Amino acid sequence: MKTMDHRIAERRHNVSEEKARGRLRMLLWLVGAATVIGLLIWLVTSPVLSIRTITVTGAERSDPGAIAASVGAEIGVPTITVRSGSIERALATDPWIDDARATVSWPGTIEIDVVERTPVASLVTPDGTLLVAVDGTLLQRIENGAVPPIIETDSTRSARPGERVDRESTQGAVAFVGTLPPSLRSETSITVIGDSVTATVAGVKIVFGRPIDMEAKAAAVAALLEEGLDPGSEINVTAPTRPAVAPPQSQLEGETTVVEESQPSD
């Protein structure tokens, strides 16, 4: 009976041991990797790397913090789960917020900066009274009466916060009020019937013609009123670069004065 050479047996033994050591190293590596991954998962989802601070700037009428919380961005949630894009999309649904930027920073900070719309008038409709911004966005319903300046419209379309006025004449009325100096807005009332727009500013009647170029017409009215006009006068800004002024006594005589030198400067 032949016996195996001791050198061959030793070599086979060494190979077997090396394979065993290799399997052990692989097992240890896998265990180590799993441990590291587990620790990382625990770390990023633990209070150590969770949202601890939320700062909001620019908000007066809106509540960006509550809006962010509605999409899961609040104190205590893991930072890794918070997305700035989700916060910004949620903020855009608030009629008061014109623009918003959200920044998520490690280890646990959310910074929200918003630019809010400013109400320029109370829009009185058959469906209720709402605050309206200069871009025509309806901001909020008013339950306790309109606050000057007041725009009354006969539009029967349902009006809800977040929508925009869609009638050209009403858009023009909003643009006119938004262009007036704040000192004149509180003395302004506008009536919109169909495509017709009429207004009274500081006791002076305003005739617009078509509801176009309303910013230029507002600038012309402001310039004329700054010079001083008697209450009961009438300003016709159908052509805003050549406004016509009719004082109260001239209206009785059918007289009208065209004012060219009072054109608003660029």
Protein backbone atom coordinates (compact mmCIF):
# COMPACT_ATOMS: atom_id res chain seq x y z
CA MET A 1 0.00 0.00 0.00
CA LYS A 2 1.38 3.34 -1.07
CA THR A 3 1.52 6.23 1.37
CA MET A 4 1.11 9.92 0.38
CA ASP A 5 4.27 11.88 0.31
CA HIS A 6 4.36 14.08 3.41
CA ARG A 7 5.08 17.13 1.26
CA ILE A 8 1.93 16.65 -0.77
CA ALA A 9 -0.11 16.13 2.37
CA GLU A 10 1.35 19.28 3.91
CA ARG A 11 0.59 21.27 0.78
CA ARG A 12 -3.01 20.05 0.71
CA HIS A 13 -3.34 20.95 4.37
CA ASN A 14 -1.97 24.43 3.75
CA VAL A 15 -4.33 24.96 0.82
CA SER A 16 -7.26 23.82 2.93
CA GLU A 17 -6.28 26.19 5.74
CA GLU A 18 -5.84 29.10 3.32
CA LYS A 19 -9.32 28.52 1.91
CA ALA A 20 -10.75 28.43 5.41
CA ARG A 21 -8.95 31.65 6.31
CA GLY A 22 -10.27 33.24 3.08
CA ARG A 23 -13.82 32.25 3.93
CA LEU A 24 -13.35 33.63 7.44
CA ARG A 25 -11.96 36.92 6.09
CA MET A 26 -14.91 37.22 3.71
CA LEU A 27 -17.34 36.50 6.54
CA LEU A 28 -15.68 39.07 8.77
CA TRP A 29 -15.69 41.61 5.93
CA LEU A 30 -19.40 41.04 5.32
CA VAL A 31 -20.17 41.34 9.01
CA GLY A 32 -18.12 44.52 9.22
CA ALA A 33 -19.76 46.02 6.14
CA ALA A 34 -23.22 45.18 7.45
CA THR A 35 -22.32 46.74 10.79
CA VAL A 36 -21.06 49.94 9.16
CA ILE A 37 -24.16 50.19 6.95
CA GLY A 38 -26.37 49.61 9.96
CA LEU A 39 -24.54 52.30 11.91
CA LEU A 40 -24.86 54.73 9.00
CA ILE A 41 -28.58 54.04 8.67
CA TRP A 42 -29.02 54.53 12.39
CA LEU A 43 -26.99 57.73 12.30
CA VAL A 44 -28.87 59.44 9.46
CA THR A 45 -32.24 58.51 10.93
CA SER A 46 -31.34 59.26 14.53
CA PRO A 47 -31.95 62.53 16.42
CA VAL A 48 -28.28 63.36 15.83
CA LEU A 49 -29.00 64.08 12.14
CA SER A 50 -32.66 65.03 12.37
CA ILE A 51 -34.17 68.47 11.76
CA ARG A 52 -33.46 70.63 14.78
CA THR A 53 -33.91 74.16 13.42
CA ILE A 54 -36.42 75.73 11.02
CA THR A 55 -35.96 79.42 10.23
CA VAL A 56 -38.51 81.45 8.26
CA THR A 57 -38.01 84.94 6.82
CA GLY A 58 -40.38 87.23 4.94
CA ALA A 59 -43.63 85.79 6.31
CA GLU A 60 -46.28 88.02 7.87
CA ARG A 61 -49.64 86.67 6.72
CA SER A 62 -48.63 83.15 5.68
CA ASP A 63 -47.42 80.25 7.83
CA PRO A 64 -44.55 78.56 5.96
CA GLY A 65 -43.65 76.41 8.97
CA ALA A 66 -47.07 74.78 9.05
CA ILE A 67 -47.05 74.32 5.28
CA ALA A 68 -43.60 72.66 5.43
CA ALA A 69 -44.83 70.36 8.21
CA SER A 70 -47.70 69.24 5.98
CA VAL A 71 -45.14 67.62 3.64
CA GLY A 72 -43.12 66.06 6.45
CA ALA A 73 -40.55 68.83 6.96
CA GLU A 74 -40.67 69.49 10.69
CA ILE A 75 -38.61 69.30 13.84
CA GLY A 76 -37.49 65.75 14.63
CA VAL A 77 -37.76 64.14 11.20
CA PRO A 78 -34.56 62.73 9.64
CA THR A 79 -32.83 65.33 7.52
CA ILE A 80 -32.24 62.76 4.78
CA THR A 81 -36.01 62.49 4.19
CA VAL A 82 -36.57 66.24 3.69
CA ARG A 83 -36.65 67.63 0.13
CA SER A 84 -36.46 71.36 -0.54
CA GLY A 85 -38.43 70.94 -3.78
CA SER A 86 -41.37 69.39 -1.93
CA ILE A 87 -41.39 72.30 0.51
CA GLU A 88 -41.32 74.89 -2.28
CA ARG A 89 -44.14 73.21 -4.19
CA ALA A 90 -46.27 73.16 -1.04
CA LEU A 91 -45.54 76.84 -0.33
CA ALA A 92 -46.61 77.76 -3.87
CA THR A 93 -50.16 76.62 -3.06
CA ASP A 94 -50.61 79.46 -0.54
CA PRO A 95 -52.17 82.50 -2.28
CA TRP A 96 -50.25 84.86 0.01
CA ILE A 97 -46.86 83.50 -1.11
CA ASP A 98 -45.58 84.97 -4.37
CA ASP A 99 -42.15 83.32 -4.29
CA ALA A 100 -40.39 80.91 -1.93
CA ARG A 101 -36.99 79.31 -1.51
CA ALA A 102 -36.28 76.41 0.83
CA THR A 103 -32.79 75.20 1.75
CA VAL A 104 -32.08 71.99 3.66
CA SER A 105 -28.65 71.88 5.31
CA TRP A 106 -26.89 69.14 7.25
CA PRO A 107 -26.92 68.15 9.99
CA GLY A 108 -30.47 69.43 10.62
CA THR A 109 -31.51 72.88 9.40
CA ILE A 110 -34.28 74.12 7.13
CA GLU A 111 -34.23 77.73 5.94
CA ILE A 112 -37.35 79.13 4.26
CA ASP A 113 -37.43 82.55 2.65
CA VAL A 114 -40.72 83.80 1.21
CA VAL A 115 -41.91 86.88 -0.65
CA GLU A 116 -45.54 87.57 0.08
CA ARG A 117 -48.13 89.25 -2.11
CA THR A 118 -49.51 92.55 -0.88
CA PRO A 119 -53.26 93.24 -1.05
CA VAL A 120 -54.01 96.38 -3.05
CA ALA A 121 -57.82 96.42 -2.93
CA SER A 122 -60.99 94.78 -1.74
CA LEU A 123 -62.78 93.09 -4.64
CA VAL A 124 -66.52 93.09 -4.08
CA THR A 125 -68.30 90.46 -6.19
CA PRO A 126 -71.77 88.88 -6.09
CA ASP A 127 -69.98 85.82 -4.67
CA GLY A 128 -68.40 87.72 -1.77
CA THR A 129 -65.61 90.14 -0.94
CA LEU A 130 -61.95 89.20 -1.24
CA LEU A 131 -58.58 90.86 -0.92
CA VAL A 132 -56.77 91.01 -4.26
CA ALA A 133 -53.08 91.45 -5.08
CA VAL A 134 -51.69 93.58 -7.89
CA ASP A 135 -51.17 90.49 -10.07
CA GLY A 136 -54.87 89.69 -9.76
CA THR A 137 -54.48 86.83 -7.28
CA LEU A 138 -57.40 86.53 -4.86
CA LEU A 139 -55.86 86.28 -1.40
CA GLN A 140 -58.50 85.95 1.27
CA ARG A 141 -62.20 86.37 1.87
CA ILE A 142 -63.35 89.32 3.97
CA GLU A 143 -66.32 88.69 6.21
CA ASN A 144 -66.58 92.03 8.02
CA GLY A 145 -66.93 94.48 5.14
CA ALA A 146 -64.67 95.79 2.39
CA VAL A 147 -61.63 97.92 3.19
CA PRO A 148 -60.74 100.78 0.77
CA PRO A 149 -59.71 100.90 -1.96
CA ILE A 150 -62.78 99.07 -3.21
CA ILE A 151 -63.36 97.52 -6.63
CA GLU A 152 -66.95 96.49 -7.25
CA THR A 153 -67.53 94.07 -10.11
CA ASP A 154 -70.66 92.52 -11.53
CA SER A 155 -68.83 89.31 -12.43
CA THR A 156 -70.88 86.31 -11.31
CA ARG A 157 -68.02 83.84 -11.62
CA SER A 158 -67.28 81.95 -8.42
CA ALA A 159 -64.33 83.61 -6.69
CA ARG A 160 -62.04 81.60 -4.43
CA PRO A 161 -58.69 82.43 -2.79
CA GLY A 162 -55.80 81.31 -4.97
CA GLU A 163 -57.60 82.06 -8.24
CA ARG A 164 -56.89 85.09 -10.42
CA VAL A 165 -59.33 87.58 -11.85
CA ASP A 166 -59.89 86.62 -15.47
CA ARG A 167 -61.93 89.50 -16.87
CA GLU A 168 -59.86 92.13 -18.70
CA SER A 169 -61.81 95.03 -17.23
CA THR A 170 -61.31 93.78 -13.66
CA GLN A 171 -57.65 93.11 -14.32
CA GLY A 172 -57.34 96.69 -15.54
CA ALA A 173 -59.03 98.03 -12.41
CA VAL A 174 -56.60 96.08 -10.21
CA ALA A 175 -53.62 97.32 -12.22
CA PHE A 176 -54.86 100.92 -11.90
CA VAL A 177 -55.19 100.71 -8.12
CA GLY A 178 -51.86 98.93 -7.77
CA THR A 179 -50.07 101.73 -9.64
CA LEU A 180 -51.57 104.59 -7.64
CA PRO A 181 -49.51 105.95 -4.74
CA PRO A 182 -50.60 104.42 -1.41
CA SER A 183 -51.81 107.85 -0.25
CA LEU A 184 -54.46 107.84 -3.01
CA ARG A 185 -55.53 104.19 -2.77
CA SER A 186 -57.53 104.70 0.40
CA GLU A 187 -59.56 107.39 -1.39
CA THR A 188 -60.29 105.27 -4.43
CA SER A 189 -63.41 103.37 -5.43
CA ILE A 190 -63.85 101.61 -8.77
CA THR A 191 -66.89 100.10 -10.46
CA VAL A 192 -66.58 97.44 -13.15
CA ILE A 193 -69.70 96.67 -15.18
CA GLY A 194 -69.03 94.37 -18.08
CA ASP A 195 -66.17 95.93 -20.04
CA SER A 196 -66.72 99.38 -18.57
CA VAL A 197 -64.55 100.75 -15.75
CA THR A 198 -65.22 104.00 -13.86
CA ALA A 199 -63.55 105.33 -10.74
CA THR A 200 -63.47 108.09 -8.18
CA VAL A 201 -60.10 109.07 -6.71
CA ALA A 202 -59.96 111.69 -3.95
CA GLY A 203 -63.38 112.95 -4.97
CA VAL A 204 -62.42 113.27 -8.64
CA LYS A 205 -64.23 111.20 -11.27
CA ILE A 206 -61.98 109.22 -13.63
CA VAL A 207 -63.03 108.27 -17.17
CA PHE A 208 -60.88 105.48 -18.61
CA GLY A 209 -62.25 104.56 -22.00
CA ARG A 210 -61.10 101.02 -22.74
CA PRO A 211 -59.49 99.25 -19.74
CA ILE A 212 -56.01 99.18 -21.31
CA ASP A 213 -52.74 100.94 -20.40
CA MET A 214 -54.09 101.24 -16.87
CA GLU A 215 -50.66 101.74 -15.30
CA ALA A 216 -50.05 104.75 -17.54
CA LYS A 217 -53.53 106.07 -16.78
CA ALA A 218 -52.90 105.74 -13.05
CA ALA A 219 -49.63 107.67 -13.39
CA ALA A 220 -51.42 110.46 -15.28
CA VAL A 221 -54.18 110.68 -12.65
CA ALA A 222 -51.64 110.78 -9.81
CA ALA A 223 -49.67 113.56 -11.51
CA LEU A 224 -52.78 115.68 -12.02
CA LEU A 225 -54.07 115.16 -8.50
CA GLU A 226 -50.68 116.11 -7.11
CA GLU A 227 -51.12 119.54 -8.74
CA GLY A 228 -54.45 119.91 -6.98
CA LEU A 229 -57.95 119.56 -8.42
CA ASP A 230 -61.29 120.52 -6.90
CA PRO A 231 -63.53 117.70 -5.72
CA GLY A 232 -66.14 117.02 -8.36
CA SER A 233 -63.70 117.54 -11.19
CA GLU A 234 -63.37 114.94 -13.92
CA ILE A 235 -60.22 113.49 -15.47
CA ASN A 236 -60.50 111.73 -18.80
CA VAL A 237 -57.50 109.49 -19.39
CA THR A 238 -58.77 107.66 -22.44
CA ALA A 239 -55.48 108.87 -23.97
CA PRO A 240 -53.13 108.84 -20.94
CA THR A 241 -50.50 111.02 -22.65
CA ARG A 242 -53.17 113.73 -23.28
CA PRO A 243 -55.45 113.66 -20.22
CA ALA A 244 -58.45 116.00 -20.25
CA VAL A 245 -59.57 117.77 -17.08
CA ALA A 246 -63.05 119.19 -16.58
CA PRO A 247 -63.46 121.31 -13.41
CA PRO A 248 -66.90 121.23 -11.74
CA GLN A 249 -68.01 124.61 -13.16
CA SER A 250 -66.80 123.74 -16.64
CA GLN A 251 -68.80 120.53 -16.65
CA LEU A 252 -71.97 122.61 -16.44
CA GLU A 253 -70.91 124.63 -19.47
CA GLY A 254 -69.72 121.59 -21.43
CA GLU A 255 -66.14 122.81 -21.33
CA THR A 256 -63.13 120.54 -21.11
CA THR A 257 -59.47 121.42 -20.75
CA VAL A 258 -56.83 119.17 -22.29
CA VAL A 259 -53.76 119.01 -20.10
CA GLU A 260 -50.54 118.24 -21.92
CA GLU A 261 -47.97 119.73 -19.61
CA SER A 262 -49.06 117.42 -16.79
CA GLN A 263 -47.99 114.24 -18.50
CA PRO A 264 -46.29 111.88 -16.05
CA SER A 265 -42.55 111.79 -16.47
CA ASP A 266 -40.77 108.56 -17.37
